[in-house]
Amino acid sequence: MSRTLVGPSDGHAPHDPIPYRTTTRGHNVRVSEHNGGKKSRASRSRMTGRERREQLIGIGRKHFADKGFEGATIEEIASSAGVSKPVVYEHFGGKEGLYAVVVDREIEALLGGVTHALDSGGTSRQLIERAALALLDYVEHNTDGFRILVRDSPAGQATGSFASLMSDISSQVDHILAAQFKKHSLDPKAAPMYAQMLVGMVALTGQWWLDNRKFKKHEVAAHVVNLAWNGLTGLEPKPELTPETLEQG
C-alpha cells in the first residue's frame, strides 16, 4: 500500500510531496530509496545538449535514408529518440534544418574522400581509379548516407542536392582530364564536359551497386575505369586496378 506524505525533516516545502510507502512493520520509507521504486532525479542520466543533438542527427539520418525527406516525420524522429517534438525544434528549427545538417555531413564525408584520393599523387589513370574507389568506398561504408544524397532534395533547397555534389566532384577531376587532353593533342576546353560524364558514370554505377553486390568493390571500380579509360573500342578483356591502387584501397 502506497501513500504520499511530506517528509518534515528533509527540507522540502509542503507543496512538494515526496512519495512514501508503508512497510509491513508500519514504517514510512521513500519509494525512490528502495528496490522497485523510481530512480531519483539526481540519479537519472541526462544527455548534454551536444549529445542530444548528435543522437537526433543519427536517428534523423536513418529515417531520411529509409523514408526520404517527405516520408520522414518529426513525430517519428522524436519518438525514436525518446523526446518530445519541441526538443527537435529546439535543436534544428524543424525537419528542414535537421535534414540540412545530415546532408552537409554526408557531402563533407564523400567530398573529403574523393579529394584525398585526387591529392594522393600518381599517374592520371591511378588518380581516376582512386577517385572511383573512394566513391564506392563511401557507398559501402555509408550506405544510409548515400541513399539520402541520391534522393531528391526538399523543395526550395538550392544546395546539397546530389547533382550539385557531383558537379563539385567533377570540378576537381577537370584538371586531370585537361592534362590528358593536352598530352594527346585534344581540346582541353572539353575536359569539364568529360569530367561530368566520368563522375556521373561512377555515381550511377554506385547507385546500381547499392542493391547489386555480386561484384566486389575493387572489381566495380576496375570495370568503370576500364570503360572510362579505354573506351568501348579499347576495353581490356580482364580489367584490374593497378597494384598501387589496390595497396591503398
C-alpha atoms as a PDB file:
ATOM      1  CA  MET A   1       0.000   0.000   0.000  1.00  0.00           C
ATOM      2  CA  SER A   2       1.423   3.403  -1.007  1.00  0.00           C
ATOM      3  CA  ARG A   3       0.584   6.913   0.106  1.00  0.00           C
ATOM      4  CA  THR A   4       2.088  10.366  -0.202  1.00  0.00           C
ATOM      5  CA  LEU A   5       3.487  12.076   2.867  1.00  0.00           C
ATOM      6  CA  VAL A   6       5.538  15.163   3.435  1.00  0.00           C
ATOM      7  CA  GLY A   7       8.891  14.424   4.997  1.00  0.00           C
ATOM      8  CA  PRO A   8       9.277  17.039   7.710  1.00  0.00           C
ATOM      9  CA  SER A   9      12.996  16.589   8.247  1.00  0.00           C
ATOM     10  CA  ASP A  10      14.341  16.651   4.686  1.00  0.00           C
ATOM     11  CA  GLY A  11      13.831  20.300   3.933  1.00  0.00           C
ATOM     12  CA  HIS A  12      11.033  20.042   1.344  1.00  0.00           C
ATOM     13  CA  ALA A  13       8.227  22.559   1.330  1.00  0.00           C
ATOM     14  CA  PRO A  14       4.719  21.274   2.000  1.00  0.00           C
ATOM     15  CA  HIS A  15       3.744  21.823  -1.641  1.00  0.00           C
ATOM     16  CA  ASP A  16       6.481  19.439  -2.829  1.00  0.00           C
ATOM     17  CA  PRO A  17       5.324  15.987  -1.561  1.00  0.00           C
ATOM     18  CA  ILE A  18       7.680  13.054  -1.525  1.00  0.00           C
ATOM     19  CA  PRO A  19       6.365   9.559  -2.317  1.00  0.00           C
ATOM     20  CA  TYR A  20       6.499   7.150   0.624  1.00  0.00           C
ATOM     21  CA  ARG A  21       5.233   3.619   1.100  1.00  0.00           C
ATOM     22  CA  THR A  22       4.258   1.833   4.287  1.00  0.00           C
ATOM     23  CA  THR A  23       6.273  -1.292   5.090  1.00  0.00           C
ATOM     24  CA  THR A  24       4.886  -4.414   6.745  1.00  0.00           C
ATOM     25  CA  ARG A  25       6.281  -3.095  10.038  1.00  0.00           C
ATOM     26  CA  GLY A  26       4.442   0.172   9.738  1.00  0.00           C
ATOM     27  CA  HIS A  27       7.419   2.357   8.793  1.00  0.00           C
ATOM     28  CA  ASN A  28       7.136   5.050   6.135  1.00  0.00           C
ATOM     29  CA  VAL A  29      10.022   4.887   3.662  1.00  0.00           C
ATOM     30  CA  ARG A  30      10.751   6.806   0.463  1.00  0.00           C
ATOM     31  CA  VAL A  31       9.896   4.810  -2.641  1.00  0.00           C
ATOM     32  CA  SER A  32      12.902   6.079  -4.566  1.00  0.00           C
ATOM     33  CA  GLU A  33      15.282   4.687  -1.979  1.00  0.00           C
ATOM     34  CA  HIS A  34      14.122   1.087  -2.186  1.00  0.00           C
ATOM     35  CA  ASN A  35      14.129  -1.646  -4.787  1.00  0.00           C
ATOM     36  CA  GLY A  36      11.193  -1.435  -7.148  1.00  0.00           C
ATOM     37  CA  GLY A  37      10.821   2.340  -6.783  1.00  0.00           C
ATOM     38  CA  LYS A  38      11.573   5.008  -9.341  1.00  0.00           C
ATOM     39  CA  LYS A  39      15.065   6.432  -9.618  1.00  0.00           C
ATOM     40  CA  SER A  40      15.546   9.831  -8.089  1.00  0.00           C
ATOM     41  CA  ARG A  41      16.084  12.759 -10.392  1.00  0.00           C
ATOM     42  CA  ALA A  42      19.690  13.075  -9.300  1.00  0.00           C
ATOM     43  CA  SER A  43      20.464   9.503 -10.352  1.00  0.00           C
ATOM     44  CA  ARG A  44      18.958   9.757 -13.820  1.00  0.00           C
ATOM     45  CA  SER A  45      21.497  10.011 -16.605  1.00  0.00           C
ATOM     46  CA  ARG A  46      20.866  13.090 -18.710  1.00  0.00           C
ATOM     47  CA  MET A  47      22.312  13.826 -22.124  1.00  0.00           C
ATOM     48  CA  THR A  48      24.183  17.065 -22.653  1.00  0.00           C
ATOM     49  CA  GLY A  49      22.886  19.341 -25.381  1.00  0.00           C
ATOM     50  CA  ARG A  50      25.684  18.177 -27.672  1.00  0.00           C
ATOM     51  CA  GLU A  51      24.944  14.506 -27.007  1.00  0.00           C
ATOM     52  CA  ARG A  52      21.242  15.006 -27.663  1.00  0.00           C
ATOM     53  CA  ARG A  53      21.983  16.832 -30.895  1.00  0.00           C
ATOM     54  CA  GLU A  54      24.226  14.004 -32.111  1.00  0.00           C
ATOM     55  CA  GLN A  55      21.576  11.443 -31.151  1.00  0.00           C
ATOM     56  CA  LEU A  56      18.921  13.289 -33.147  1.00  0.00           C
ATOM     57  CA  ILE A  57      21.222  13.603 -36.157  1.00  0.00           C
ATOM     58  CA  GLY A  58      21.890   9.859 -36.143  1.00  0.00           C
ATOM     59  CA  ILE A  59      18.215   8.979 -35.783  1.00  0.00           C
ATOM     60  CA  GLY A  60      17.199  11.545 -38.391  1.00  0.00           C
ATOM     61  CA  ARG A  61      19.807  10.150 -40.792  1.00  0.00           C
ATOM     62  CA  LYS A  62      18.266   6.690 -40.502  1.00  0.00           C
ATOM     63  CA  HIS A  63      14.713   7.945 -41.020  1.00  0.00           C
ATOM     64  CA  PHE A  64      15.689  10.054 -44.055  1.00  0.00           C
ATOM     65  CA  ALA A  65      17.542   7.096 -45.572  1.00  0.00           C
ATOM     66  CA  ASP A  66      14.600   4.733 -45.078  1.00  0.00           C
ATOM     67  CA  LYS A  67      11.712   7.037 -45.939  1.00  0.00           C
ATOM     68  CA  GLY A  68      13.145  10.070 -47.708  1.00  0.00           C
ATOM     69  CA  PHE A  69      12.637  13.689 -46.701  1.00  0.00           C
ATOM     70  CA  GLU A  70       8.925  13.723 -47.404  1.00  0.00           C
ATOM     71  CA  GLY A  71       8.237  10.386 -45.721  1.00  0.00           C
ATOM     72  CA  ALA A  72      10.137  11.080 -42.502  1.00  0.00           C
ATOM     73  CA  THR A  73       8.291  13.000 -39.783  1.00  0.00           C
ATOM     74  CA  ILE A  74       9.347  14.956 -36.733  1.00  0.00           C
ATOM     75  CA  GLU A  75       6.925  12.867 -34.665  1.00  0.00           C
ATOM     76  CA  GLU A  76       8.663   9.607 -35.614  1.00  0.00           C
ATOM     77  CA  ILE A  77      12.152  11.040 -35.158  1.00  0.00           C
ATOM     78  CA  ALA A  78      11.269  12.427 -31.728  1.00  0.00           C
ATOM     79  CA  SER A  79       9.613   9.164 -30.716  1.00  0.00           C
ATOM     80  CA  SER A  80      12.674   7.140 -31.753  1.00  0.00           C
ATOM     81  CA  ALA A  81      14.847   9.448 -29.669  1.00  0.00           C
ATOM     82  CA  GLY A  82      12.508   9.257 -26.679  1.00  0.00           C
ATOM     83  CA  VAL A  83      11.921  13.014 -26.627  1.00  0.00           C
ATOM     84  CA  SER A  84       9.084  15.396 -27.432  1.00  0.00           C
ATOM     85  CA  LYS A  85       8.815  17.259 -30.744  1.00  0.00           C
ATOM     86  CA  PRO A  86       9.798  20.619 -29.195  1.00  0.00           C
ATOM     87  CA  VAL A  87      13.233  19.178 -28.397  1.00  0.00           C
ATOM     88  CA  VAL A  88      13.857  18.535 -32.096  1.00  0.00           C
ATOM     89  CA  TYR A  89      12.627  22.028 -32.980  1.00  0.00           C
ATOM     90  CA  GLU A  90      14.860  23.500 -30.298  1.00  0.00           C
ATOM     91  CA  HIS A  91      17.981  21.960 -31.841  1.00  0.00           C
ATOM     92  CA  PHE A  92      17.228  22.274 -35.568  1.00  0.00           C
ATOM     93  CA  GLY A  93      14.229  24.540 -36.040  1.00  0.00           C
ATOM     94  CA  GLY A  94      12.324  21.833 -37.900  1.00  0.00           C
ATOM     95  CA  LYS A  95      12.697  18.901 -40.254  1.00  0.00           C
ATOM     96  CA  GLU A  96      14.374  21.004 -42.940  1.00  0.00           C
ATOM     97  CA  GLY A  97      17.076  22.098 -40.507  1.00  0.00           C
ATOM     98  CA  LEU A  98      17.797  18.555 -39.372  1.00  0.00           C
ATOM     99  CA  TYR A  99      17.884  17.329 -42.975  1.00  0.00           C
ATOM    100  CA  ALA A 100      20.318  20.108 -43.939  1.00  0.00           C
ATOM    101  CA  VAL A 101      22.729  19.120 -41.152  1.00  0.00           C
ATOM    102  CA  VAL A 102      22.579  15.438 -42.154  1.00  0.00           C
ATOM    103  CA  VAL A 103      23.167  16.227 -45.845  1.00  0.00           C
ATOM    104  CA  ASP A 104      26.034  18.626 -45.100  1.00  0.00           C
ATOM    105  CA  ARG A 105      27.819  15.916 -43.113  1.00  0.00           C
ATOM    106  CA  GLU A 106      27.377  13.349 -45.873  1.00  0.00           C
ATOM    107  CA  ILE A 107      28.645  15.761 -48.513  1.00  0.00           C
ATOM    108  CA  GLU A 108      31.678  16.563 -46.382  1.00  0.00           C
ATOM    109  CA  ALA A 109      32.453  12.859 -45.922  1.00  0.00           C
ATOM    110  CA  LEU A 110      32.101  11.945 -49.601  1.00  0.00           C
ATOM    111  CA  LEU A 111      33.827  15.028 -50.962  1.00  0.00           C
ATOM    112  CA  GLY A 112      36.623  14.617 -48.428  1.00  0.00           C
ATOM    113  CA  GLY A 113      37.272  11.029 -49.506  1.00  0.00           C
ATOM    114  CA  VAL A 114      37.352  11.873 -53.211  1.00  0.00           C
ATOM    115  CA  THR A 115      39.525  14.946 -52.639  1.00  0.00           C
ATOM    116  CA  HIS A 116      42.024  12.894 -50.641  1.00  0.00           C
ATOM    117  CA  ALA A 117      42.150  10.325 -53.442  1.00  0.00           C
ATOM    118  CA  LEU A 118      42.846  13.003 -56.062  1.00  0.00           C
ATOM    119  CA  ASP A 119      45.544  14.603 -53.899  1.00  0.00           C
ATOM    120  CA  SER A 120      47.405  11.336 -53.306  1.00  0.00           C
ATOM    121  CA  GLY A 121      49.649  11.605 -56.374  1.00  0.00           C
ATOM    122  CA  GLY A 122      50.314   9.045 -59.088  1.00  0.00           C
ATOM    123  CA  THR A 123      49.543   8.693 -62.770  1.00  0.00           C
ATOM    124  CA  SER A 124      46.344  10.083 -64.274  1.00  0.00           C
ATOM    125  CA  ARG A 125      44.871   6.594 -64.501  1.00  0.00           C
ATOM    126  CA  GLN A 126      45.710   5.854 -60.891  1.00  0.00           C
ATOM    127  CA  LEU A 127      44.018   9.083 -59.784  1.00  0.00           C
ATOM    128  CA  ILE A 128      40.865   8.171 -61.701  1.00  0.00           C
ATOM    129  CA  GLU A 129      40.975   4.684 -60.179  1.00  0.00           C
ATOM    130  CA  ARG A 130      41.349   6.062 -56.658  1.00  0.00           C
ATOM    131  CA  ALA A 131      38.562   8.587 -57.141  1.00  0.00           C
ATOM    132  CA  ALA A 132      36.211   5.833 -58.353  1.00  0.00           C
ATOM    133  CA  LEU A 133      37.282   3.617 -55.464  1.00  0.00           C
ATOM    134  CA  ALA A 134      36.750   6.463 -52.966  1.00  0.00           C
ATOM    135  CA  LEU A 135      33.167   6.971 -54.127  1.00  0.00           C
ATOM    136  CA  LEU A 136      32.440   3.249 -53.993  1.00  0.00           C
ATOM    137  CA  ASP A 137      34.095   3.061 -50.580  1.00  0.00           C
ATOM    138  CA  TYR A 138      31.675   5.724 -49.360  1.00  0.00           C
ATOM    139  CA  VAL A 139      28.745   3.751 -50.799  1.00  0.00           C
ATOM    140  CA  GLU A 140      29.957   0.625 -48.994  1.00  0.00           C
ATOM    141  CA  HIS A 141      30.554   2.149 -45.581  1.00  0.00           C
ATOM    142  CA  ASN A 142      27.940   4.929 -45.593  1.00  0.00           C
ATOM    143  CA  THR A 143      25.013   3.238 -47.305  1.00  0.00           C
ATOM    144  CA  ASP A 144      22.363   5.259 -45.465  1.00  0.00           C
ATOM    145  CA  GLY A 145      24.188   8.482 -46.260  1.00  0.00           C
ATOM    146  CA  PHE A 146      24.441   7.647 -49.949  1.00  0.00           C
ATOM    147  CA  ARG A 147      20.732   6.787 -50.088  1.00  0.00           C
ATOM    148  CA  ILE A 148      19.985  10.223 -48.646  1.00  0.00           C
ATOM    149  CA  LEU A 149      22.210  12.001 -51.161  1.00  0.00           C
ATOM    150  CA  VAL A 150      20.720  10.298 -54.213  1.00  0.00           C
ATOM    151  CA  ARG A 151      17.163  11.165 -53.178  1.00  0.00           C
ATOM    152  CA  ASP A 152      15.591  14.413 -54.347  1.00  0.00           C
ATOM    153  CA  SER A 153      16.244  17.395 -52.098  1.00  0.00           C
ATOM    154  CA  PRO A 154      13.260  19.150 -50.493  1.00  0.00           C
ATOM    155  CA  ALA A 155      11.646  21.939 -52.489  1.00  0.00           C
ATOM    156  CA  GLY A 156      13.386  25.281 -52.129  1.00  0.00           C
ATOM    157  CA  GLN A 157      16.767  23.847 -51.127  1.00  0.00           C
ATOM    158  CA  ALA A 158      19.330  25.285 -53.536  1.00  0.00           C
ATOM    159  CA  THR A 159      22.336  23.347 -52.288  1.00  0.00           C
ATOM    160  CA  GLY A 160      23.009  19.851 -51.068  1.00  0.00           C
ATOM    161  CA  SER A 161      21.446  18.027 -53.998  1.00  0.00           C
ATOM    162  CA  PHE A 162      23.181  15.000 -55.453  1.00  0.00           C
ATOM    163  CA  ALA A 163      23.575  16.814 -58.780  1.00  0.00           C
ATOM    164  CA  SER A 164      25.344  19.768 -57.147  1.00  0.00           C
ATOM    165  CA  LEU A 165      27.605  17.393 -55.222  1.00  0.00           C
ATOM    166  CA  MET A 166      28.578  15.537 -58.399  1.00  0.00           C
ATOM    167  CA  SER A 167      29.286  18.888 -60.028  1.00  0.00           C
ATOM    168  CA  ASP A 168      31.652  19.771 -57.171  1.00  0.00           C
ATOM    169  CA  ILE A 169      33.497  16.484 -57.619  1.00  0.00           C
ATOM    170  CA  SER A 170      33.603  16.928 -61.391  1.00  0.00           C
ATOM    171  CA  SER A 171      35.320  20.285 -60.981  1.00  0.00           C
ATOM    172  CA  GLN A 172      38.150  18.513 -59.150  1.00  0.00           C
ATOM    173  CA  VAL A 173      38.537  15.980 -61.949  1.00  0.00           C
ATOM    174  CA  ASP A 174      38.725  18.679 -64.652  1.00  0.00           C
ATOM    175  CA  HIS A 175      42.442  19.317 -64.312  1.00  0.00           C
ATOM    176  CA  ILE A 176      43.303  15.615 -64.573  1.00  0.00           C
ATOM    177  CA  LEU A 177      41.419  15.219 -67.825  1.00  0.00           C
ATOM    178  CA  ALA A 178      42.657  18.567 -69.155  1.00  0.00           C
ATOM    179  CA  ALA A 179      46.260  17.385 -68.714  1.00  0.00           C
ATOM    180  CA  GLN A 180      45.488  14.166 -70.589  1.00  0.00           C
ATOM    181  CA  PHE A 181      43.726  16.050 -73.372  1.00  0.00           C
ATOM    182  CA  LYS A 182      46.767  18.283 -73.895  1.00  0.00           C
ATOM    183  CA  LYS A 183      49.045  15.257 -73.876  1.00  0.00           C
ATOM    184  CA  HIS A 184      47.006  13.671 -76.679  1.00  0.00           C
ATOM    185  CA  SER A 185      46.549  16.930 -78.630  1.00  0.00           C
ATOM    186  CA  LEU A 186      42.868  17.193 -77.733  1.00  0.00           C
ATOM    187  CA  ASP A 187      40.986  20.376 -76.869  1.00  0.00           C
ATOM    188  CA  PRO A 188      41.314  20.864 -73.075  1.00  0.00           C
ATOM    189  CA  LYS A 189      38.204  23.084 -73.125  1.00  0.00           C
ATOM    190  CA  ALA A 190      36.140  19.899 -73.403  1.00  0.00           C
ATOM    191  CA  ALA A 191      37.630  18.490 -70.170  1.00  0.00           C
ATOM    192  CA  PRO A 192      34.811  19.806 -67.899  1.00  0.00           C
ATOM    193  CA  MET A 193      32.204  18.043 -70.027  1.00  0.00           C
ATOM    194  CA  TYR A 194      34.118  14.777 -69.919  1.00  0.00           C
ATOM    195  CA  ALA A 195      34.596  15.182 -66.167  1.00  0.00           C
ATOM    196  CA  GLN A 196      30.811  15.348 -65.775  1.00  0.00           C
ATOM    197  CA  MET A 197      30.479  12.192 -67.870  1.00  0.00           C
ATOM    198  CA  LEU A 198      33.088  10.337 -65.844  1.00  0.00           C
ATOM    199  CA  VAL A 199      31.777  11.308 -62.403  1.00  0.00           C
ATOM    200  CA  GLY A 200      28.175  10.697 -63.481  1.00  0.00           C
ATOM    201  CA  MET A 201      29.098   7.221 -64.695  1.00  0.00           C
ATOM    202  CA  VAL A 202      30.753   6.336 -61.403  1.00  0.00           C
ATOM    203  CA  ALA A 203      27.887   7.804 -59.352  1.00  0.00           C
ATOM    204  CA  LEU A 204      25.165   5.975 -61.256  1.00  0.00           C
ATOM    205  CA  THR A 205      27.149   2.764 -61.037  1.00  0.00           C
ATOM    206  CA  GLY A 206      27.388   3.339 -57.299  1.00  0.00           C
ATOM    207  CA  GLN A 207      23.596   3.612 -57.112  1.00  0.00           C
ATOM    208  CA  TRP A 208      23.266   0.338 -59.000  1.00  0.00           C
ATOM    209  CA  TRP A 209      25.869  -1.318 -56.753  1.00  0.00           C
ATOM    210  CA  LEU A 210      23.824  -0.450 -53.652  1.00  0.00           C
ATOM    211  CA  ASP A 211      21.490  -3.341 -54.381  1.00  0.00           C
ATOM    212  CA  ASN A 212      23.720  -5.476 -56.622  1.00  0.00           C
ATOM    213  CA  ARG A 213      26.668  -6.599 -54.532  1.00  0.00           C
ATOM    214  CA  LYS A 214      27.542  -9.537 -56.728  1.00  0.00           C
ATOM    215  CA  PHE A 215      30.762  -7.745 -57.675  1.00  0.00           C
ATOM    216  CA  LYS A 216      33.384  -6.700 -55.167  1.00  0.00           C
ATOM    217  CA  LYS A 217      34.188  -3.030 -54.746  1.00  0.00           C
ATOM    218  CA  HIS A 218      37.562  -3.141 -56.493  1.00  0.00           C
ATOM    219  CA  GLU A 219      36.013  -5.124 -59.362  1.00  0.00           C
ATOM    220  CA  VAL A 220      33.338  -2.486 -59.908  1.00  0.00           C
ATOM    221  CA  ALA A 221      35.960   0.273 -59.846  1.00  0.00           C
ATOM    222  CA  ALA A 222      38.131  -1.625 -62.321  1.00  0.00           C
ATOM    223  CA  HIS A 223      35.270  -2.038 -64.806  1.00  0.00           C
ATOM    224  CA  VAL A 224      34.248   1.610 -64.505  1.00  0.00           C
ATOM    225  CA  VAL A 225      37.794   2.785 -65.165  1.00  0.00           C
ATOM    226  CA  ASN A 226      38.121   0.233 -67.962  1.00  0.00           C
ATOM    227  CA  LEU A 227      35.250   1.901 -69.809  1.00  0.00           C
ATOM    228  CA  ALA A 228      36.284   5.427 -68.901  1.00  0.00           C
ATOM    229  CA  TRP A 229      39.967   4.995 -69.717  1.00  0.00           C
ATOM    230  CA  ASN A 230      39.917   2.666 -72.736  1.00  0.00           C
ATOM    231  CA  GLY A 231      36.538   3.414 -74.283  1.00  0.00           C
ATOM    232  CA  LEU A 232      34.285   0.815 -75.849  1.00  0.00           C
ATOM    233  CA  THR A 233      36.750   0.148 -78.680  1.00  0.00           C
ATOM    234  CA  GLY A 234      39.685  -0.493 -76.360  1.00  0.00           C
ATOM    235  CA  LEU A 235      38.242  -2.471 -73.481  1.00  0.00           C
ATOM    236  CA  GLU A 236      40.630  -4.786 -71.701  1.00  0.00           C
ATOM    237  CA  PRO A 237      39.317  -8.384 -71.570  1.00  0.00           C
ATOM    238  CA  LYS A 238      40.043  -8.724 -67.836  1.00  0.00           C
ATOM    239  CA  PRO A 239      40.352  -5.276 -66.280  1.00  0.00           C
ATOM    240  CA  GLU A 240      42.187  -4.876 -62.986  1.00  0.00           C
ATOM    241  CA  LEU A 241      43.169  -1.924 -60.867  1.00  0.00           C
ATOM    242  CA  THR A 242      46.858  -1.055 -60.826  1.00  0.00           C
ATOM    243  CA  PRO A 243      48.811  -2.687 -57.950  1.00  0.00           C
ATOM    244  CA  GLU A 244      49.456   0.726 -56.394  1.00  0.00           C
ATOM    245  CA  THR A 245      45.750   1.489 -56.157  1.00  0.00           C
ATOM    246  CA  LEU A 246      44.983  -1.945 -54.707  1.00  0.00           C
ATOM    247  CA  GLU A 247      47.570  -1.413 -51.993  1.00  0.00           C
ATOM    248  CA  GLN A 248      45.917   1.850 -50.930  1.00  0.00           C
ATOM    249  CA  GLY A 249      42.336   0.515 -51.202  1.00  0.00           C
END
